[in-house]
Protein backbone atom coordinates (compact mmCIF):
# COMPACT_ATOMS: atom_id res chain seq x y z
CA UNK A 1 53.97 12.45 154.96
CA UNK A 2 52.44 9.54 156.85
CA UNK A 3 51.04 10.08 160.31
CA UNK A 4 51.22 7.31 162.88
CA UNK A 5 48.16 6.61 165.03
CA UNK A 6 48.77 7.07 168.75
CA UNK A 7 46.77 5.47 171.53
CA UNK A 8 45.53 8.86 172.72
CA UNK A 9 43.53 9.28 169.52
CA UNK A 10 41.35 6.33 170.56
CA UNK A 11 39.95 8.31 173.49
CA UNK A 12 36.57 10.07 173.06
CA UNK A 13 37.92 13.35 174.48
CA UNK A 14 41.64 13.86 175.02
CA UNK A 15 41.13 17.18 176.85
CA UNK A 16 39.61 15.52 179.92
CA UNK A 17 41.12 12.00 179.73
CA UNK A 18 44.66 10.71 180.04
CA UNK A 19 45.59 7.36 178.51
CA UNK A 20 46.90 4.77 180.98
CA UNK A 21 47.03 1.44 179.18
CA UNK A 22 45.77 -0.54 176.18
CA UNK A 23 45.23 -4.28 176.34
CA UNK A 24 44.01 -6.58 173.59
CA UNK A 25 42.56 -9.97 174.48
CA UNK A 26 40.22 -12.63 173.15
CA UNK A 27 37.11 -10.69 174.21
CA UNK A 28 38.21 -7.47 172.53
CA UNK A 29 40.21 -4.39 173.40
CA UNK A 30 40.45 -2.73 176.83
CA UNK A 31 41.46 0.94 177.06
CA UNK A 32 42.24 2.38 180.47
CA UNK A 33 42.20 6.12 181.05
CA UNK A 34 42.09 8.55 183.96
CA UNK A 35 40.19 11.74 184.53
CA UNK A 36 41.52 15.20 185.35
CA UNK A 37 43.11 16.33 188.61
CA UNK A 38 40.23 18.65 189.44
CA UNK A 39 36.49 18.90 188.87
CA UNK A 40 33.73 21.48 189.14
CA UNK A 41 30.83 21.05 191.53
CA UNK A 42 27.60 20.40 189.58
CA UNK A 43 25.61 22.70 191.91
CA UNK A 44 27.76 25.77 192.52
CA UNK A 45 30.35 25.33 189.75
CA UNK A 46 33.34 25.97 192.04
CA UNK A 47 36.47 24.07 190.99
CA UNK A 48 37.67 21.54 193.56
CA UNK A 49 41.07 19.85 193.98
CA UNK A 50 40.25 18.02 197.23
CA UNK A 51 40.00 14.38 196.20
CA UNK A 52 37.76 12.14 198.31
CA UNK A 53 38.29 8.74 196.64
CA UNK A 54 38.69 6.98 193.30
CA UNK A 55 36.60 4.39 191.48
CA UNK A 56 36.52 2.66 188.09
CA UNK A 57 33.80 3.15 185.54
CA UNK A 58 33.40 0.75 182.56
CA UNK A 59 31.88 2.08 179.32
CA UNK A 60 31.22 0.48 175.96
CA UNK A 61 32.98 2.28 173.13
CA UNK A 62 33.05 2.03 169.34
CA UNK A 63 34.62 -1.20 168.02
CA UNK A 64 38.08 -1.34 166.52
CA UNK A 65 38.67 -3.59 163.48
CA UNK A 66 35.43 -5.45 164.20
CA UNK A 67 36.41 -6.16 167.84
CA UNK A 68 34.45 -4.72 170.79
CA UNK A 69 36.16 -2.03 172.85
CA UNK A 70 35.69 -1.37 176.57
CA UNK A 71 36.72 2.02 177.95
CA UNK A 72 37.68 1.77 181.62
CA UNK A 73 37.90 5.17 183.31
CA UNK A 74 39.49 5.96 186.65
CA UNK A 75 37.44 8.86 187.98
CA UNK A 76 37.27 10.47 191.39
CA UNK A 77 34.91 11.74 194.01
CA UNK A 78 35.62 15.27 195.17
CA UNK A 79 34.87 17.48 198.16
CA UNK A 80 33.15 20.79 197.56
CA UNK A 81 34.95 23.48 199.62
CA UNK A 82 32.31 26.13 198.96
CA UNK A 83 30.70 26.83 202.35
CA UNK A 84 27.58 28.24 200.68
CA UNK A 85 26.95 25.03 198.69
CA UNK A 86 24.75 22.30 200.15
CA UNK A 87 26.64 19.53 198.35
CA UNK A 88 29.64 18.22 200.23
CA UNK A 89 30.82 15.33 198.00
CA UNK A 90 30.25 14.92 194.26
CA UNK A 91 31.38 12.55 191.53
CA UNK A 92 33.43 13.68 188.59
CA UNK A 93 31.25 14.06 185.51
CA UNK A 94 32.61 13.74 182.01
CA UNK A 95 29.77 15.28 179.97
CA UNK A 96 31.74 15.17 176.72
CA UNK A 97 32.41 11.42 177.13
CA UNK A 98 29.24 9.90 178.56
CA UNK A 99 25.93 10.68 180.21
CA UNK A 100 25.28 10.36 183.91
CA UNK A 101 24.83 6.71 185.03
CA UNK A 102 25.36 5.54 181.43
CA UNK A 103 27.32 2.39 180.59
CA UNK A 104 28.41 3.52 177.15
CA UNK A 105 30.09 6.49 175.56
CA UNK A 106 28.11 9.14 173.74
CA UNK A 107 29.51 8.23 170.35
CA UNK A 108 28.63 4.57 170.95
CA UNK A 109 25.06 5.56 171.83
CA UNK A 110 24.72 7.76 168.74
CA UNK A 111 25.71 4.90 166.41
CA UNK A 112 23.39 2.47 168.20
CA UNK A 113 20.55 4.99 167.96
CA UNK A 114 21.06 5.40 164.20
CA UNK A 115 21.05 1.63 163.67
CA UNK A 116 17.93 1.21 165.81
CA UNK A 117 16.11 4.02 164.03
CA UNK A 118 16.96 2.59 160.59
CA UNK A 119 16.51 -1.17 161.16
CA UNK A 120 14.60 -1.68 164.38
CA UNK A 121 15.22 -4.37 166.99
CA UNK A 122 16.14 -7.80 165.64
CA UNK A 123 17.58 -6.66 162.31
CA UNK A 124 19.61 -3.99 164.09
CA UNK A 125 20.90 -6.55 166.60
CA UNK A 126 22.16 -8.82 163.81
CA UNK A 127 23.97 -5.96 162.07
CA UNK A 128 25.38 -4.60 165.35
CA UNK A 129 26.92 -7.91 166.32
CA UNK A 130 28.51 -8.19 162.90
CA UNK A 131 30.04 -4.72 163.37
CA UNK A 132 31.32 -5.50 166.86
CA UNK A 133 28.59 -3.62 168.80
CA UNK A 134 27.32 -5.99 171.46
CA UNK A 135 23.77 -4.78 172.00
CA UNK A 136 20.45 -6.60 172.20
CA UNK A 137 17.24 -5.81 170.38
CA UNK A 138 15.68 -4.49 173.61
CA UNK A 139 18.59 -2.06 174.02
CA UNK A 140 18.13 -0.79 170.48
CA UNK A 141 14.42 -0.18 170.98
CA UNK A 142 15.12 1.48 174.34
CA UNK A 143 17.47 3.93 172.61
CA UNK A 144 14.72 4.89 170.17
CA UNK A 145 12.23 5.42 173.01
CA UNK A 146 14.67 7.48 175.05
CA UNK A 147 15.48 9.60 172.01
CA UNK A 148 11.78 10.19 171.36
CA UNK A 149 11.17 11.22 175.00
CA UNK A 150 14.19 13.52 175.12
CA UNK A 151 13.25 15.44 171.99
CA UNK A 152 12.31 19.07 172.62
CA UNK A 153 8.68 19.96 171.97
CA UNK A 154 8.15 20.45 168.29
CA UNK A 155 6.88 23.64 166.78
CA UNK A 156 3.52 24.00 165.12
CA UNK A 157 2.54 21.48 162.46
CA UNK A 158 0.80 23.40 159.66
CA UNK A 159 0.74 20.48 157.19
CA UNK A 160 -0.01 17.01 158.57
CA UNK A 161 -0.31 13.68 156.78
CA UNK A 162 -2.58 11.01 158.26
CA UNK A 163 -2.86 7.31 157.48
CA UNK A 164 -3.40 4.03 159.32
CA UNK A 165 -0.82 1.43 160.38
CA UNK A 166 -1.21 -2.15 161.52
CA UNK A 167 -0.29 -3.38 164.98
CA UNK A 168 0.12 -6.85 163.48
CA UNK A 169 0.06 -7.77 159.83
CA UNK A 170 -2.99 -9.81 158.82
CA UNK A 171 -5.10 -8.79 161.83
CA UNK A 172 -7.79 -6.10 161.98
CA UNK A 173 -6.03 -3.96 164.60
CA UNK A 174 -4.91 -0.58 163.35
CA UNK A 175 -3.60 2.68 164.71
CA UNK A 176 -3.15 6.16 163.22
CA UNK A 177 0.15 7.70 162.14
CA UNK A 178 0.53 11.47 161.86
CA UNK A 179 3.48 12.96 159.98
CA UNK A 180 4.80 16.52 159.82
CA UNK A 181 5.09 16.83 156.04
CA UNK A 182 7.05 20.09 156.04
CA UNK A 183 9.84 18.74 158.28
CA UNK A 184 9.35 15.13 157.10
CA UNK A 185 9.25 13.81 160.67
CA UNK A 186 6.91 11.64 162.66
CA UNK A 187 4.55 13.79 164.70
CA UNK A 188 2.43 11.26 166.63
CA UNK A 189 1.34 7.62 166.77
CA UNK A 190 -2.22 7.09 167.95
CA UNK A 191 -2.99 3.61 169.35
CA UNK A 192 -6.33 3.33 167.56
CA UNK A 193 -7.86 4.16 164.23
CA UNK A 194 -10.94 6.12 165.17
CA UNK A 195 -12.67 9.37 164.42
CA UNK A 196 -12.60 10.48 168.07
CA UNK A 197 -8.83 10.10 168.52
CA UNK A 198 -8.02 11.95 165.28
CA UNK A 199 -10.48 14.73 166.10
CA UNK A 200 -9.02 15.11 169.60
CA UNK A 201 -5.49 15.36 168.24
CA UNK A 202 -6.52 18.06 165.77
CA UNK A 203 -8.16 20.07 168.53
CA UNK A 204 -4.88 19.93 170.47
CA UNK A 205 -3.05 21.32 167.40
CA UNK A 206 -5.10 24.29 166.15
CA UNK A 207 -2.20 25.40 163.91
CA UNK A 208 -2.99 22.67 161.36
CA UNK A 209 -4.16 24.28 158.12
CA UNK A 210 -3.69 21.39 155.62
CA UNK A 211 -4.54 17.70 156.06
CA UNK A 212 -3.14 15.20 153.55
CA UNK A 213 -5.03 11.90 153.70
CA UNK A 214 -6.38 8.99 151.73
CA UNK A 215 -9.97 8.81 150.53
CA UNK A 216 -11.26 7.15 153.69
CA UNK A 217 -14.37 8.84 155.05
CA UNK A 218 -13.27 8.34 158.66
CA UNK A 219 -10.33 10.73 158.41
CA UNK A 220 -12.35 13.11 156.28
CA UNK A 221 -15.05 13.41 158.93
CA UNK A 222 -12.47 13.63 161.72
CA UNK A 223 -10.73 16.46 159.88
CA UNK A 224 -13.99 18.38 159.41
CA UNK A 225 -14.85 18.03 163.10
CA UNK A 226 -11.40 18.64 164.58
CA UNK A 227 -10.15 21.31 162.17
CA UNK A 228 -13.09 22.72 160.20
CA UNK A 229 -11.01 25.52 158.65
CA UNK A 230 -8.19 23.21 157.45
CA UNK A 231 -7.96 22.26 153.78
CA UNK A 232 -8.08 18.53 153.05
CA UNK A 233 -6.13 17.15 150.11
CA UNK A 234 -5.39 13.65 148.79
CA UNK A 235 -1.81 12.50 149.24
CA UNK A 236 0.43 11.60 146.31
CA UNK A 237 0.50 7.85 146.96
CA UNK A 238 -3.28 7.44 146.89
CA UNK A 239 -3.63 9.76 143.90
CA UNK A 240 -1.22 7.60 141.88
CA UNK A 241 -2.87 4.43 143.19
CA UNK A 242 -6.34 5.63 142.20
CA UNK A 243 -5.04 6.73 138.79
CA UNK A 244 -3.52 3.30 138.26
CA UNK A 245 -6.82 1.61 139.13
CA UNK A 246 -8.74 3.89 136.76
CA UNK A 247 -6.30 3.18 133.89
CA UNK A 248 -6.51 -0.58 134.50
CA UNK A 249 -10.31 -0.47 134.50
CA UNK A 250 -10.37 1.57 131.28
CA UNK A 251 -7.93 -0.80 129.57
CA UNK A 252 -10.05 -3.73 130.66
CA UNK A 253 -13.08 -2.05 129.11
CA UNK A 254 -11.21 -1.41 125.84
CA UNK A 255 -9.54 -4.81 125.75
CA UNK A 256 -11.03 -5.83 122.41
CA UNK A 257 -9.64 -2.67 120.75
CA UNK A 258 -6.14 -3.27 122.10
CA UNK A 259 -5.51 -6.65 120.51
CA UNK A 260 -2.39 -7.00 118.36
CA UNK A 261 -3.20 -6.69 114.59
CA UNK A 262 -2.89 -9.78 112.45
CA UNK A 263 0.20 -10.22 110.28
CA UNK A 264 -1.88 -9.89 107.09
CA UNK A 265 -3.20 -6.55 108.25
CA UNK A 266 0.31 -5.31 109.00
CA UNK A 267 1.56 -6.38 105.54
CA UNK A 268 -1.41 -4.72 103.86
CA UNK A 269 -0.69 -1.43 105.64
CA UNK A 270 2.96 -1.60 104.58
CA UNK A 271 1.96 -2.14 100.93
CA UNK A 272 -0.52 0.73 101.02
CA UNK A 273 2.11 3.05 102.45
CA UNK A 274 4.63 1.97 99.75
CA UNK A 275 2.29 2.61 96.76
CA UNK A 276 0.83 5.74 98.28
CA UNK A 277 -2.73 4.49 98.55
CA UNK A 278 -4.58 6.52 101.16
CA UNK A 279 -5.82 4.34 104.00
CA UNK A 280 -9.48 3.62 104.12
CA UNK A 281 -11.41 5.61 106.65
CA UNK A 282 -12.91 3.27 109.19
CA UNK A 283 -15.98 4.36 111.05
CA UNK A 284 -15.51 4.84 114.77
CA UNK A 285 -16.83 2.03 116.82
CA UNK A 286 -19.62 3.17 119.11
CA UNK A 287 -18.75 2.75 122.76
CA UNK A 288 -21.15 0.65 124.71
CA UNK A 289 -22.41 1.38 128.19
CA UNK A 290 -19.86 1.45 130.97
CA UNK A 291 -19.72 -1.84 132.83
CA UNK A 292 -20.45 -2.04 136.52
CA UNK A 293 -17.79 -2.59 139.17
CA UNK A 294 -18.64 -6.28 139.39
CA UNK A 295 -18.40 -6.69 135.63
CA UNK A 296 -15.04 -4.89 135.60
CA UNK A 297 -13.67 -7.22 138.26
CA UNK A 298 -14.90 -10.27 136.39
CA UNK A 299 -13.39 -8.99 133.14
CA UNK A 300 -10.02 -8.27 134.76
CA UNK A 301 -10.03 -11.68 136.41
CA UNK A 302 -10.93 -13.37 133.14
CA UNK A 303 -8.07 -11.61 131.36
CA UNK A 304 -5.62 -12.54 134.09
CA UNK A 305 -6.69 -16.17 133.87
CA UNK A 306 -6.39 -16.14 130.07
CA UNK A 307 -2.89 -14.68 130.25
CA UNK A 308 -1.82 -17.21 132.85
CA UNK A 309 -3.28 -20.08 130.81
CA UNK A 310 -1.46 -18.95 127.65
CA UNK A 311 1.80 -18.65 129.57
CA UNK A 312 1.30 -22.12 131.07
CA UNK A 313 0.70 -23.62 127.65
CA UNK A 314 3.78 -21.82 126.31
CA UNK A 315 5.96 -23.27 129.09
CA UNK A 316 4.60 -26.76 128.43
CA UNK A 317 5.11 -26.36 124.68
CA UNK A 318 8.72 -25.19 125.04
CA UNK A 319 9.46 -28.10 127.37
CA UNK A 320 7.91 -30.53 124.87
CA UNK A 321 10.21 -29.13 122.18
CA UNK A 322 13.22 -30.16 124.27
CA UNK A 323 14.12 -26.92 125.98
CA UNK A 324 15.56 -27.08 129.50
CA UNK A 325 14.07 -25.30 132.48
CA UNK A 326 16.91 -22.74 132.56
CA UNK A 327 16.33 -21.93 128.88
CA UNK A 328 12.59 -21.52 129.51
CA UNK A 329 13.37 -19.10 132.36
CA UNK A 330 15.49 -16.94 130.04
CA UNK A 331 12.90 -17.09 127.26
CA UNK A 332 9.82 -16.24 129.37
CA UNK A 333 11.31 -14.13 132.16
CA UNK A 334 9.63 -16.26 134.83
CA UNK A 335 11.28 -17.35 138.05
CA UNK A 336 12.96 -20.74 138.22
CA UNK A 337 10.65 -21.88 141.02
CA UNK A 338 7.50 -21.13 139.02
CA UNK A 339 8.84 -22.89 135.94
CA UNK A 340 9.79 -26.02 137.91
CA UNK A 341 6.40 -26.03 139.60
CA UNK A 342 4.48 -25.72 136.32
CA UNK A 343 6.52 -28.46 134.69
CA UNK A 344 5.41 -30.86 137.43
CA UNK A 345 1.72 -29.99 136.97
CA UNK A 346 -0.62 -31.33 134.32
CA UNK A 347 -3.13 -28.48 134.50
CA UNK A 348 -2.76 -24.75 134.97
CA UNK A 349 -3.11 -23.82 138.68
CA UNK A 350 -6.02 -21.53 139.50
CA UNK A 351 -5.62 -17.87 140.36
CA UNK A 352 -5.09 -17.11 144.00
CA UNK A 353 -8.02 -15.05 145.20
CA UNK A 354 -6.81 -14.32 148.72
CA UNK A 355 -4.12 -15.19 151.21
CA UNK A 356 -4.34 -18.69 152.63
CA UNK A 357 -5.63 -18.67 156.23
CA UNK A 358 -3.06 -19.15 158.97
CA UNK A 359 -3.43 -20.80 162.40
CA UNK A 360 -5.24 -18.47 164.75
CA UNK A 361 -7.51 -16.96 162.09
CA UNK A 362 -11.23 -17.62 162.07
CA UNK A 363 -11.07 -18.76 158.44
CA UNK A 364 -8.52 -21.41 159.41
CA UNK A 365 -11.03 -22.89 161.90
CA UNK A 366 -14.06 -22.70 159.61
CA UNK A 367 -14.59 -26.47 159.31
CA UNK A 368 -14.19 -27.06 163.05
CA UNK A 369 -16.58 -24.21 163.88
CA UNK A 370 -19.12 -25.53 161.38
CA UNK A 371 -18.89 -29.01 162.92
CA UNK A 372 -19.45 -27.64 166.45
CA UNK A 373 -22.35 -25.51 165.24
CA UNK A 374 -24.05 -28.48 163.63
CA UNK A 375 -23.67 -30.44 166.88
CA UNK A 376 -25.62 -27.72 168.71
CA UNK A 377 -22.69 -25.88 170.34
CA UNK A 378 -24.03 -22.42 169.51
CA UNK A 379 -23.47 -20.66 172.83
CA UNK A 380 -20.40 -20.16 175.01
CA UNK A 381 -20.02 -23.03 177.45
CA UNK A 382 -22.65 -25.24 175.78
CA UNK A 383 -19.98 -27.76 174.73
């Protein structure tokens, strides 16, 4: 049996609101409602029916079919008849609908808070406008800050994870993030990445018994000073990252043993297996001395360059055979932009060693600084 939707079901709380009117215009939908005929004093709690005056209160509500909705409430001011109460006049409060002095309903604020917590300011603003929630990026960030301030004090944090975070990507300005790993919640954001700040935070939380960190000596020393009895362990991300680096270095060292066997060798092995001839025992190759870190980096870089050069020659060869760029993309698995770029070049582009300097970085102004230095401008104000 189908159930028709009534206008009263659009109200946040039908127990304390009465629907008056619904209007739909170009700017969205307007819902008018009125409060109850009595209210309780916020100080003494005595119910009052002596109305002082009425006023309108406009609140943002959840959108309807992608259109913004404004909830306009007709609420009253009341007289407190309790002679023992110091308050004489009070405004009607609808705690189940909205907070005091708020311009939005509670359910509207909860949705905005979830969007802000998941996407942040600008990205959340773009999604909110598409959903019919007219909020700015500053409003979204303000909801996150208010939520963080209104949270009750957390319990003890026995297991804490520590790592650094960047104030601005590409600049050497970092802070410290502390995470409660048992509850999987953010515990604290420290504005700087220093031993003193981390040690001070640990001294304020003596319940910490396990510290999960990277292999940076700064956090290790801060943990020993701030919580000497706590156990320090490496977190999962850095363990996997270090394992990956160790495997790559070992494969680079054993590169000559990992080459694909020649076709003749493969055919010979197949024949020997068919006739039942036991394979010849090959003496183990003695392993040479382990290369240094610099040698490992050079070897890895050389291999990367060799692979890139072979791939570049393959792309050029396929194009010379008459293949189109789209066919080369499907054959090699490269992106269309890289294939088009390589087809325009005559030589293989070099490996990128580091990110190109941007305006505002010292590396971007290297030539200008060198020119000023050569002219004798070596002190502040000398030019």
